[in-house]
Amino acid sequence: MEIFGLISLTILALVAIFYLLKRMNQKKIKENKNTIDPFVVKAMASKIASDAQKHRKDQEKYNYIKSNDDAG
């Protein structure tokens, strides 16, 4: 009976250690979740700027076509 208790205690300790390590890792993931790599930030800003420029060009074409229709 003594060996069974020792084995049970060892298994319980291993499970507890595994659980604590998993929780610590989850906290680190949550802390790092709010940070964005500077390379990604630059890429996103570049994409937004190019989309805005394309939108402005499309609006200029639309306004030019619309003004020609109104004149004729």
PDB file of N, CA and C in Angstrom:
ATOM      1  N   MET A   1       0.831  -1.195   0.000  1.00  0.00           N
ATOM      2  CA  MET A   1       0.000   0.000   0.000  1.00  0.00           C
ATOM      3  C   MET A   1       0.870   1.252   0.000  1.00  0.00           C
ATOM      4  N   GLU A   2       2.035   1.178   0.594  1.00  0.00           N
ATOM      5  CA  GLU A   2       2.931   2.319   0.671  1.00  0.00           C
ATOM      6  C   GLU A   2       3.451   2.709  -0.721  1.00  0.00           C
ATOM      7  N   ILE A   3       3.724   1.735  -1.567  1.00  0.00           N
ATOM      8  CA  ILE A   3       4.225   2.000  -2.913  1.00  0.00           C
ATOM      9  C   ILE A   3       3.121   2.651  -3.756  1.00  0.00           C
ATOM     10  N   PHE A   4       1.895   2.190  -3.592  1.00  0.00           N
ATOM     11  CA  PHE A   4       0.773   2.772  -4.326  1.00  0.00           C
ATOM     12  C   PHE A   4       0.615   4.256  -3.973  1.00  0.00           C
ATOM     13  N   GLY A   5       0.742   4.589  -2.722  1.00  0.00           N
ATOM     14  CA  GLY A   5       0.645   5.993  -2.277  1.00  0.00           C
ATOM     15  C   GLY A   5       1.768   6.833  -2.855  1.00  0.00           C
ATOM     16  N   LEU A   6       2.974   6.302  -2.911  1.00  0.00           N
ATOM     17  CA  LEU A   6       4.116   7.020  -3.464  1.00  0.00           C
ATOM     18  C   LEU A   6       3.936   7.254  -4.970  1.00  0.00           C
ATOM     19  N   ILE A   7       3.449   6.230  -5.662  1.00  0.00           N
ATOM     20  CA  ILE A   7       3.200   6.370  -7.105  1.00  0.00           C
ATOM     21  C   ILE A   7       2.099   7.400  -7.356  1.00  0.00           C
ATOM     22  N   SER A   8       1.046   7.357  -6.561  1.00  0.00           N
ATOM     23  CA  SER A   8      -0.050   8.322  -6.713  1.00  0.00           C
ATOM     24  C   SER A   8       0.434   9.740  -6.459  1.00  0.00           C
ATOM     25  N   LEU A   9       1.249   9.914  -5.433  1.00  0.00           N
ATOM     26  CA  LEU A   9       1.784  11.233  -5.106  1.00  0.00           C
ATOM     27  C   LEU A   9       2.688  11.738  -6.225  1.00  0.00           C
ATOM     28  N   THR A  10       3.490  10.862  -6.800  1.00  0.00           N
ATOM     29  CA  THR A  10       4.374  11.241  -7.900  1.00  0.00           C
ATOM     30  C   THR A  10       3.569  11.666  -9.122  1.00  0.00           C
ATOM     31  N   ILE A  11       2.542  10.911  -9.453  1.00  0.00           N
ATOM     32  CA  ILE A  11       1.693  11.253 -10.596  1.00  0.00           C
ATOM     33  C   ILE A  11       0.994  12.586 -10.347  1.00  0.00           C
ATOM     34  N   LEU A  12       0.489  12.785  -9.138  1.00  0.00           N
ATOM     35  CA  LEU A  12      -0.169  14.044  -8.791  1.00  0.00           C
ATOM     36  C   LEU A  12       0.797  15.224  -8.912  1.00  0.00           C
ATOM     37  N   ALA A  13       2.031  15.033  -8.455  1.00  0.00           N
ATOM     38  CA  ALA A  13       3.032  16.088  -8.544  1.00  0.00           C
ATOM     39  C   ALA A  13       3.346  16.410 -10.008  1.00  0.00           C
ATOM     40  N   LEU A  14       3.476  15.397 -10.851  1.00  0.00           N
ATOM     41  CA  LEU A  14       3.757  15.626 -12.268  1.00  0.00           C
ATOM     42  C   LEU A  14       2.612  16.376 -12.953  1.00  0.00           C
ATOM     43  N   VAL A  15       1.393  16.000 -12.620  1.00  0.00           N
ATOM     44  CA  VAL A  15       0.232  16.688 -13.194  1.00  0.00           C
ATOM     45  C   VAL A  15       0.207  18.142 -12.738  1.00  0.00           C
ATOM     46  N   ALA A  16       0.485  18.388 -11.477  1.00  0.00           N
ATOM     47  CA  ALA A  16       0.483  19.755 -10.948  1.00  0.00           C
ATOM     48  C   ALA A  16       1.578  20.596 -11.621  1.00  0.00           C
ATOM     49  N   ILE A  17       2.753  20.025 -11.786  1.00  0.00           N
ATOM     50  CA  ILE A  17       3.853  20.743 -12.448  1.00  0.00           C
ATOM     51  C   ILE A  17       3.479  21.055 -13.896  1.00  0.00           C
ATOM     52  N   PHE A  18       2.916  20.076 -14.598  1.00  0.00           N
ATOM     53  CA  PHE A  18       2.504  20.284 -15.982  1.00  0.00           C
ATOM     54  C   PHE A  18       1.468  21.407 -16.067  1.00  0.00           C
ATOM     55  N   TYR A  19       0.496  21.400 -15.162  1.00  0.00           N
ATOM     56  CA  TYR A  19      -0.550  22.420 -15.141  1.00  0.00           C
ATOM     57  C   TYR A  19       0.049  23.805 -14.900  1.00  0.00           C
ATOM     58  N   LEU A  20       0.956  23.909 -13.931  1.00  0.00           N
ATOM     59  CA  LEU A  20       1.567  25.209 -13.621  1.00  0.00           C
ATOM     60  C   LEU A  20       2.395  25.726 -14.795  1.00  0.00           C
ATOM     61  N   LEU A  21       3.143  24.853 -15.445  1.00  0.00           N
ATOM     62  CA  LEU A  21       3.933  25.273 -16.605  1.00  0.00           C
ATOM     63  C   LEU A  21       3.034  25.741 -17.744  1.00  0.00           C
ATOM     64  N   LYS A  22       1.930  25.060 -17.935  1.00  0.00           N
ATOM     65  CA  LYS A  22       0.985  25.444 -18.988  1.00  0.00           C
ATOM     66  C   LYS A  22       0.384  26.818 -18.689  1.00  0.00           C
ATOM     67  N   ARG A  23       0.002  27.054 -17.447  1.00  0.00           N
ATOM     68  CA  ARG A  23      -0.567  28.359 -17.059  1.00  0.00           C
ATOM     69  C   ARG A  23       0.445  29.483 -17.226  1.00  0.00           C
ATOM     70  N   MET A  24       1.699  29.231 -16.861  1.00  0.00           N
ATOM     71  CA  MET A  24       2.736  30.244 -17.019  1.00  0.00           C
ATOM     72  C   MET A  24       2.930  30.578 -18.495  1.00  0.00           C
ATOM     73  N   ASN A  25       2.893  29.583 -19.344  1.00  0.00           N
ATOM     74  CA  ASN A  25       3.052  29.800 -20.777  1.00  0.00           C
ATOM     75  C   ASN A  25       1.875  30.593 -21.342  1.00  0.00           C
ATOM     76  N   GLN A  26       0.666  30.333 -20.857  1.00  0.00           N
ATOM     77  CA  GLN A  26      -0.499  31.075 -21.327  1.00  0.00           C
ATOM     78  C   GLN A  26      -0.400  32.547 -20.947  1.00  0.00           C
ATOM     79  N   LYS A  27       0.129  32.841 -19.766  1.00  0.00           N
ATOM     80  CA  LYS A  27       0.292  34.232 -19.345  1.00  0.00           C
ATOM     81  C   LYS A  27       1.288  34.942 -20.253  1.00  0.00           C
ATOM     82  N   LYS A  28       2.372  34.267 -20.614  1.00  0.00           N
ATOM     83  CA  LYS A  28       3.363  34.876 -21.502  1.00  0.00           C
ATOM     84  C   LYS A  28       2.764  35.150 -22.875  1.00  0.00           C
ATOM     85  N   ILE A  29       1.946  34.242 -23.358  1.00  0.00           N
ATOM     86  CA  ILE A  29       1.309  34.429 -24.662  1.00  0.00           C
ATOM     87  C   ILE A  29       0.367  35.631 -24.613  1.00  0.00           C
ATOM     88  N   LYS A  30      -0.390  35.774 -23.533  1.00  0.00           N
ATOM     89  CA  LYS A  30      -1.304  36.906 -23.408  1.00  0.00           C
ATOM     90  C   LYS A  30      -0.544  38.225 -23.336  1.00  0.00           C
ATOM     91  N   GLU A  31       0.594  38.247 -22.646  1.00  0.00           N
ATOM     92  CA  GLU A  31       1.390  39.464 -22.534  1.00  0.00           C
ATOM     93  C   GLU A  31       1.974  39.854 -23.885  1.00  0.00           C
ATOM     94  N   ASN A  32       2.416  38.889 -24.661  1.00  0.00           N
ATOM     95  CA  ASN A  32       3.035  39.172 -25.948  1.00  0.00           C
ATOM     96  C   ASN A  32       2.015  39.385 -27.058  1.00  0.00           C
ATOM     97  N   LYS A  33       0.766  39.127 -26.786  1.00  0.00           N
ATOM     98  CA  LYS A  33      -0.263  39.207 -27.815  1.00  0.00           C
ATOM     99  C   LYS A  33      -0.484  40.641 -28.278  1.00  0.00           C
ATOM    100  N   ASN A  34      -0.265  41.610 -27.417  1.00  0.00           N
ATOM    101  CA  ASN A  34      -0.536  42.999 -27.750  1.00  0.00           C
ATOM    102  C   ASN A  34       0.596  43.677 -28.506  1.00  0.00           C
ATOM    103  N   THR A  35       1.708  43.019 -28.691  1.00  0.00           N
ATOM    104  CA  THR A  35       2.820  43.634 -29.400  1.00  0.00           C
ATOM    105  C   THR A  35       2.789  43.226 -30.863  1.00  0.00           C
ATOM    106  N   ILE A  36       3.128  44.184 -31.729  1.00  0.00           N
ATOM    107  CA  ILE A  36       3.172  43.929 -33.162  1.00  0.00           C
ATOM    108  C   ILE A  36       4.590  44.206 -33.635  1.00  0.00           C
ATOM    109  N   ASP A  37       5.080  43.348 -34.480  1.00  0.00           N
ATOM    110  CA  ASP A  37       6.416  43.494 -35.027  1.00  0.00           C
ATOM    111  C   ASP A  37       6.494  44.788 -35.845  1.00  0.00           C
ATOM    112  N   PRO A  38       7.560  45.571 -35.693  1.00  0.00           N
ATOM    113  CA  PRO A  38       7.684  46.825 -36.454  1.00  0.00           C
ATOM    114  C   PRO A  38       7.625  46.626 -37.973  1.00  0.00           C
ATOM    115  N   PHE A  39       8.136  45.514 -38.447  1.00  0.00           N
ATOM    116  CA  PHE A  39       8.070  45.227 -39.881  1.00  0.00           C
ATOM    117  C   PHE A  39       6.619  45.117 -40.331  1.00  0.00           C
ATOM    118  N   VAL A  40       5.786  44.475 -39.526  1.00  0.00           N
ATOM    119  CA  VAL A  40       4.367  44.329 -39.851  1.00  0.00           C
ATOM    120  C   VAL A  40       3.674  45.690 -39.823  1.00  0.00           C
ATOM    121  N   VAL A  41       4.031  46.527 -38.862  1.00  0.00           N
ATOM    122  CA  VAL A  41       3.437  47.857 -38.761  1.00  0.00           C
ATOM    123  C   VAL A  41       3.747  48.663 -40.021  1.00  0.00           C
ATOM    124  N   LYS A  42       4.996  48.626 -40.470  1.00  0.00           N
ATOM    125  CA  LYS A  42       5.381  49.363 -41.681  1.00  0.00           C
ATOM    126  C   LYS A  42       4.650  48.827 -42.908  1.00  0.00           C
ATOM    127  N   ALA A  43       4.526  47.514 -42.986  1.00  0.00           N
ATOM    128  CA  ALA A  43       3.834  46.918 -44.125  1.00  0.00           C
ATOM    129  C   ALA A  43       2.357  47.318 -44.130  1.00  0.00           C
ATOM    130  N   MET A  44       1.730  47.332 -42.966  1.00  0.00           N
ATOM    131  CA  MET A  44       0.326  47.725 -42.886  1.00  0.00           C
ATOM    132  C   MET A  44       0.154  49.193 -43.262  1.00  0.00           C
ATOM    133  N   ALA A  45       1.044  50.055 -42.776  1.00  0.00           N
ATOM    134  CA  ALA A  45       0.961  51.485 -43.098  1.00  0.00           C
ATOM    135  C   ALA A  45       1.150  51.705 -44.592  1.00  0.00           C
ATOM    136  N   SER A  46       2.075  50.982 -45.191  1.00  0.00           N
ATOM    137  CA  SER A  46       2.311  51.098 -46.626  1.00  0.00           C
ATOM    138  C   SER A  46       1.073  50.663 -47.415  1.00  0.00           C
ATOM    139  N   LYS A  47       0.465  49.586 -47.006  1.00  0.00           N
ATOM    140  CA  LYS A  47      -0.737  49.076 -47.680  1.00  0.00           C
ATOM    141  C   LYS A  47      -1.879  50.078 -47.561  1.00  0.00           C
ATOM    142  N   ILE A  48      -2.064  50.652 -46.384  1.00  0.00           N
ATOM    143  CA  ILE A  48      -3.129  51.641 -46.184  1.00  0.00           C
ATOM    144  C   ILE A  48      -2.883  52.862 -47.059  1.00  0.00           C
ATOM    145  N   ALA A  49      -1.620  53.330 -47.117  1.00  0.00           N
ATOM    146  CA  ALA A  49      -1.289  54.495 -47.931  1.00  0.00           C
ATOM    147  C   ALA A  49      -1.524  54.219 -49.411  1.00  0.00           C
ATOM    148  N   SER A  50      -1.137  53.053 -49.888  1.00  0.00           N
ATOM    149  CA  SER A  50      -1.342  52.743 -51.308  1.00  0.00           C
ATOM    150  C   SER A  50      -2.832  52.586 -51.624  1.00  0.00           C
ATOM    151  N   ASP A  51      -3.596  52.003 -50.712  1.00  0.00           N
ATOM    152  CA  ASP A  51      -5.039  51.890 -50.915  1.00  0.00           C
ATOM    153  C   ASP A  51      -5.703  53.268 -50.954  1.00  0.00           C
ATOM    154  N   ALA A  52      -5.248  54.169 -50.088  1.00  0.00           N
ATOM    155  CA  ALA A  52      -5.810  55.524 -50.063  1.00  0.00           C
ATOM    156  C   ALA A  52      -5.481  56.256 -51.362  1.00  0.00           C
ATOM    157  N   GLN A  53      -4.266  56.087 -51.840  1.00  0.00           N
ATOM    158  CA  GLN A  53      -3.870  56.735 -53.097  1.00  0.00           C
ATOM    159  C   GLN A  53      -4.695  56.193 -54.270  1.00  0.00           C
ATOM    160  N   LYS A  54      -4.899  54.891 -54.302  1.00  0.00           N
ATOM    161  CA  LYS A  54      -5.715  54.284 -55.357  1.00  0.00           C
ATOM    162  C   LYS A  54      -7.158  54.789 -55.267  1.00  0.00           C
ATOM    163  N   HIS A  55      -7.668  54.894 -54.071  1.00  0.00           N
ATOM    164  CA  HIS A  55      -9.031  55.374 -53.876  1.00  0.00           C
ATOM    165  C   HIS A  55      -9.167  56.816 -54.387  1.00  0.00           C
ATOM    166  N   ARG A  56      -8.174  57.648 -54.065  1.00  0.00           N
ATOM    167  CA  ARG A  56      -8.227  59.034 -54.540  1.00  0.00           C
ATOM    168  C   ARG A  56      -8.221  59.094 -56.064  1.00  0.00           C
ATOM    169  N   LYS A  57      -7.393  58.258 -56.707  1.00  0.00           N
ATOM    170  CA  LYS A  57      -7.356  58.243 -58.173  1.00  0.00           C
ATOM    171  C   LYS A  57      -8.699  57.797 -58.740  1.00  0.00           C
ATOM    172  N   ASP A  58      -9.288  56.770 -58.134  1.00  0.00           N
ATOM    173  CA  ASP A  58     -10.596  56.297 -58.589  1.00  0.00           C
ATOM    174  C   ASP A  58     -11.658  57.376 -58.420  1.00  0.00           C
ATOM    175  N   GLN A  59     -11.594  58.109 -57.311  1.00  0.00           N
ATOM    176  CA  GLN A  59     -12.560  59.184 -57.083  1.00  0.00           C
ATOM    177  C   GLN A  59     -12.383  60.293 -58.118  1.00  0.00           C
ATOM    178  N   GLU A  60     -11.137  60.621 -58.469  1.00  0.00           N
ATOM    179  CA  GLU A  60     -10.886  61.648 -59.477  1.00  0.00           C
ATOM    180  C   GLU A  60     -11.476  61.225 -60.814  1.00  0.00           C
ATOM    181  N   LYS A  61     -11.293  59.965 -61.201  1.00  0.00           N
ATOM    182  CA  LYS A  61     -11.859  59.461 -62.455  1.00  0.00           C
ATOM    183  C   LYS A  61     -13.385  59.511 -62.407  1.00  0.00           C
ATOM    184  N   TYR A  62     -13.967  59.118 -61.297  1.00  0.00           N
ATOM    185  CA  TYR A  62     -15.417  59.117 -61.151  1.00  0.00           C
ATOM    186  C   TYR A  62     -15.960  60.536 -61.244  1.00  0.00           C
ATOM    187  N   ASN A  63     -15.290  61.473 -60.540  1.00  0.00           N
ATOM    188  CA  ASN A  63     -15.751  62.865 -60.564  1.00  0.00           C
ATOM    189  C   ASN A  63     -15.603  63.468 -61.951  1.00  0.00           C
ATOM    190  N   TYR A  64     -14.553  63.105 -62.687  1.00  0.00           N
ATOM    191  CA  TYR A  64     -14.339  63.608 -64.040  1.00  0.00           C
ATOM    192  C   TYR A  64     -15.443  63.081 -64.967  1.00  0.00           C
ATOM    193  N   ILE A  65     -15.751  61.791 -64.865  1.00  0.00           N
ATOM    194  CA  ILE A  65     -16.805  61.204 -65.689  1.00  0.00           C
ATOM    195  C   ILE A  65     -18.155  61.828 -65.338  1.00  0.00           C
ATOM    196  N   LYS A  66     -18.408  62.009 -64.057  1.00  0.00           N
ATOM    197  CA  LYS A  66     -19.672  62.576 -63.605  1.00  0.00           C
ATOM    198  C   LYS A  66     -19.827  64.011 -64.100  1.00  0.00           C
ATOM    199  N   SER A  67     -18.752  64.807 -64.046  1.00  0.00           N
ATOM    200  CA  SER A  67     -18.844  66.201 -64.477  1.00  0.00           C
ATOM    201  C   SER A  67     -19.050  66.283 -65.982  1.00  0.00           C
ATOM    202  N   ASN A  68     -18.486  65.358 -66.754  1.00  0.00           N
ATOM    203  CA  ASN A  68     -18.723  65.334 -68.197  1.00  0.00           C
ATOM    204  C   ASN A  68     -20.174  64.973 -68.507  1.00  0.00           C
ATOM    205  N   ASP A  69     -20.756  64.070 -67.759  1.00  0.00           N
ATOM    206  CA  ASP A  69     -22.145  63.688 -67.972  1.00  0.00           C
ATOM    207  C   ASP A  69     -23.090  64.841 -67.653  1.00  0.00           C
ATOM    208  N   ASP A  70     -22.748  65.595 -66.607  1.00  0.00           N
ATOM    209  CA  ASP A  70     -23.586  66.724 -66.215  1.00  0.00           C
ATOM    210  C   ASP A  70     -23.519  67.845 -67.254  1.00  0.00           C
ATOM    211  N   ALA A  71     -22.367  68.002 -67.875  1.00  0.00           N
ATOM    212  CA  ALA A  71     -22.188  69.087 -68.843  1.00  0.00           C
ATOM    213  C   ALA A  71     -22.913  68.797 -70.151  1.00  0.00           C
ATOM    214  N   GLY A  72     -23.010  67.518 -70.534  1.00  0.00           N
ATOM    215  CA  GLY A  72     -23.555  67.158 -71.839  1.00  0.00           C
ATOM    216  C   GLY A  72     -24.986  66.970 -71.793  1.00  0.00           C
TER     217      GLY A  72
END
